[in-house]
Amino acid sequence: AGNSETVKSAESVIKIDTASPSGSIKINNDASYTAQSDAILILSASDSSSGLSGMMFSNDNSNWSSAETYSTAKTWSLSFGSGKKTVYVKFKDTAGNWSSVYSDTITVDTSVPEKPKVKDGKEHTRSHNKLSASWSSSDQESGISEYQYSIGTAKGKTNALDWTSAGTNTSVIVPSLKLKTGKEYYFNVKAKNGAGQWSKGGHSNGIEVKKKNK
């Protein structure tokens, strides 16, 4: 009897992927403002058929970076200058399908807030434990996110009260101080904008502590 050979044929299954990936982008973890031109892009994308393989970026939705391997984070340089900036991204799956364009926007604020104008009201006080002041400042690009104040016996000194947050309040009454007769006390105030930059310190004209009335 002769030798016999059984030939088995194998069937290959080819999966066709015509669906595009979907995704999202957040600049600096979805912050509204920044003082820096370098940003961290937080990326998320999915493709249920063939998986993800690449991504590319643009600052103007016209000129795109070279395609690179998909990742969930990337350092990226925003377009030059202050103001509103948009970053665009699109994702590619392993079948070669590109997603729609996704984007996020952030405002670059490289300027500091206006130096606060500070008023402490009267020229003198007979209180030995309480002072009050009010102030104003502005920041055209990102607004004021916090004020801090301190009190000292000279402009810029903090020997009566160290720096204390006032939130976004523009006035304060400070109790429980230990004020000395004959000394003059000054409020110092600084402002922080939405991008995290602090102003120069503003100072009041000073208020003298008089003897208590008998």
Foldseek 3Di string as FASTA:
>chain_A
DDDDDDDDDDDDDDDDDPDAKDKEKDWQNPAAEAQFQKTKIFIDIFDPGAAFFWKWKDFPVPDIDDIDGDDRMDIDGFDDDWFKTKMKMWTAGPNGHIDDIYMDIHTHDNDAKDAKAKAFPDQADQDQFKTKIFIDIFDVGFTWQWKWKAKDLDVPDRVFHPIDIPGPGGMDMGGGTGHDAFTWMKMWMWTAGSNGHIDDIYIYPTYGHHHHDD
